[in-house]
Amino acid sequence: MPITDHFDSFTPNPSAPVTGGFAITPDDGADLATLPRALMVASGGDLAVVLKDGSALTLPALVPGVIYPIRARRVMVSGTSADGIVGLY
């Protein structure tokens, strides 16, 4: 029996619930293939990112399991100590 999705006709927006995700391997030289709506880490620590607008920053002491509404186009190896990084969209 097919699954019923009562919200299928709704237009996705940045504050809507996530509908997909992907594992992220930090890379200093490559942008992500998909721009996420949010990031989550499995193991806490610092996260160095390049945001959608091109600005770079390090987010200190992220807590595991928290969904952070960060539109990062790149997750850097340099400066990142968090692990198990997931992009959500």
Protein backbone atom coordinates (compact mmCIF):
# COMPACT_ATOMS: atom_id res chain seq x y z
CA MET A 1 0.00 0.00 0.00
CA PRO A 2 1.50 3.40 -0.95
CA ILE A 3 2.32 5.90 1.78
CA THR A 4 0.01 8.91 2.06
CA ASP A 5 1.70 12.31 2.20
CA HIS A 6 -0.80 15.00 3.15
CA PHE A 7 1.87 17.68 2.66
CA ASP A 8 3.01 16.65 -0.82
CA SER A 9 1.34 19.69 -2.42
CA PHE A 10 3.09 22.17 -0.08
CA THR A 11 6.00 24.19 -1.44
CA PRO A 12 9.27 23.48 0.42
CA ASN A 13 10.83 26.44 2.22
CA PRO A 14 13.79 26.89 4.59
CA SER A 15 11.65 26.51 7.72
CA ALA A 16 9.79 23.39 6.57
CA PRO A 17 10.71 19.98 8.00
CA VAL A 18 13.65 18.27 6.34
CA THR A 19 12.82 15.73 3.65
CA GLY A 20 16.28 14.43 2.80
CA GLY A 21 19.86 14.35 3.89
CA PHE A 22 23.39 13.30 3.04
CA ALA A 23 26.69 12.58 4.76
CA ILE A 24 29.32 15.31 4.43
CA THR A 25 33.04 14.68 4.17
CA PRO A 26 34.85 17.96 4.92
CA ASP A 27 36.96 19.24 2.01
CA ASP A 28 38.91 22.51 1.88
CA GLY A 29 38.77 22.65 -1.92
CA ALA A 30 35.29 21.58 -3.01
CA ASP A 31 31.77 22.90 -2.53
CA LEU A 32 28.99 20.50 -1.56
CA ALA A 33 26.99 19.01 -4.44
CA THR A 34 23.74 20.04 -2.70
CA LEU A 35 23.20 23.21 -0.67
CA PRO A 36 21.67 22.08 2.63
CA ARG A 37 19.04 23.89 4.69
CA ALA A 38 20.71 22.74 7.88
CA LEU A 39 23.63 20.78 9.33
CA MET A 40 23.84 18.30 12.18
CA VAL A 41 26.86 16.65 13.80
CA ALA A 42 27.05 13.24 15.50
CA SER A 43 30.15 14.11 17.50
CA GLY A 44 30.44 17.65 18.84
CA GLY A 45 33.19 20.14 18.15
CA ASP A 46 34.03 23.08 15.93
CA LEU A 47 32.73 23.33 12.37
CA ALA A 48 34.52 25.49 9.78
CA VAL A 49 32.23 26.40 6.88
CA VAL A 50 31.86 28.64 3.85
CA LEU A 51 28.31 29.95 3.77
CA LYS A 52 26.08 30.37 0.72
CA ASP A 53 27.16 34.03 0.38
CA GLY A 54 30.87 33.07 0.37
CA SER A 55 31.70 34.19 3.90
CA ALA A 56 33.87 31.81 5.92
CA LEU A 57 33.52 31.24 9.64
CA THR A 58 34.08 28.66 12.34
CA LEU A 59 31.15 27.68 14.53
CA PRO A 60 32.60 26.70 17.92
CA ALA A 61 31.50 23.85 20.19
CA LEU A 62 28.54 22.45 18.25
CA VAL A 63 26.46 19.97 20.24
CA PRO A 64 25.69 16.50 18.79
CA GLY A 65 22.15 15.90 17.56
CA VAL A 66 21.15 19.57 17.28
CA ILE A 67 19.88 20.74 13.88
CA TYR A 68 21.69 23.97 13.00
CA PRO A 69 19.98 26.12 10.30
CA ILE A 70 23.21 26.78 8.40
CA ARG A 71 23.26 27.10 4.59
CA ALA A 72 26.86 26.06 4.04
CA ARG A 73 28.17 25.55 0.55
CA ARG A 74 31.45 24.07 1.86
CA VAL A 75 32.53 22.30 5.05
CA MET A 76 36.25 22.72 5.62
CA VAL A 77 38.70 20.09 6.93
CA SER A 78 40.89 22.84 8.39
CA GLY A 79 39.34 24.07 11.62
CA THR A 80 36.71 21.31 11.87
CA SER A 81 36.84 18.97 14.86
CA ALA A 82 33.17 17.86 14.77
CA ASP A 83 32.50 14.47 13.18
CA GLY A 84 29.57 12.66 11.61
CA ILE A 85 28.43 15.75 9.72
CA VAL A 86 25.11 15.51 7.90
CA GLY A 87 23.52 17.97 5.47
CA LEU A 88 19.74 18.23 5.63
CA TYR A 89 17.38 19.61 2.99
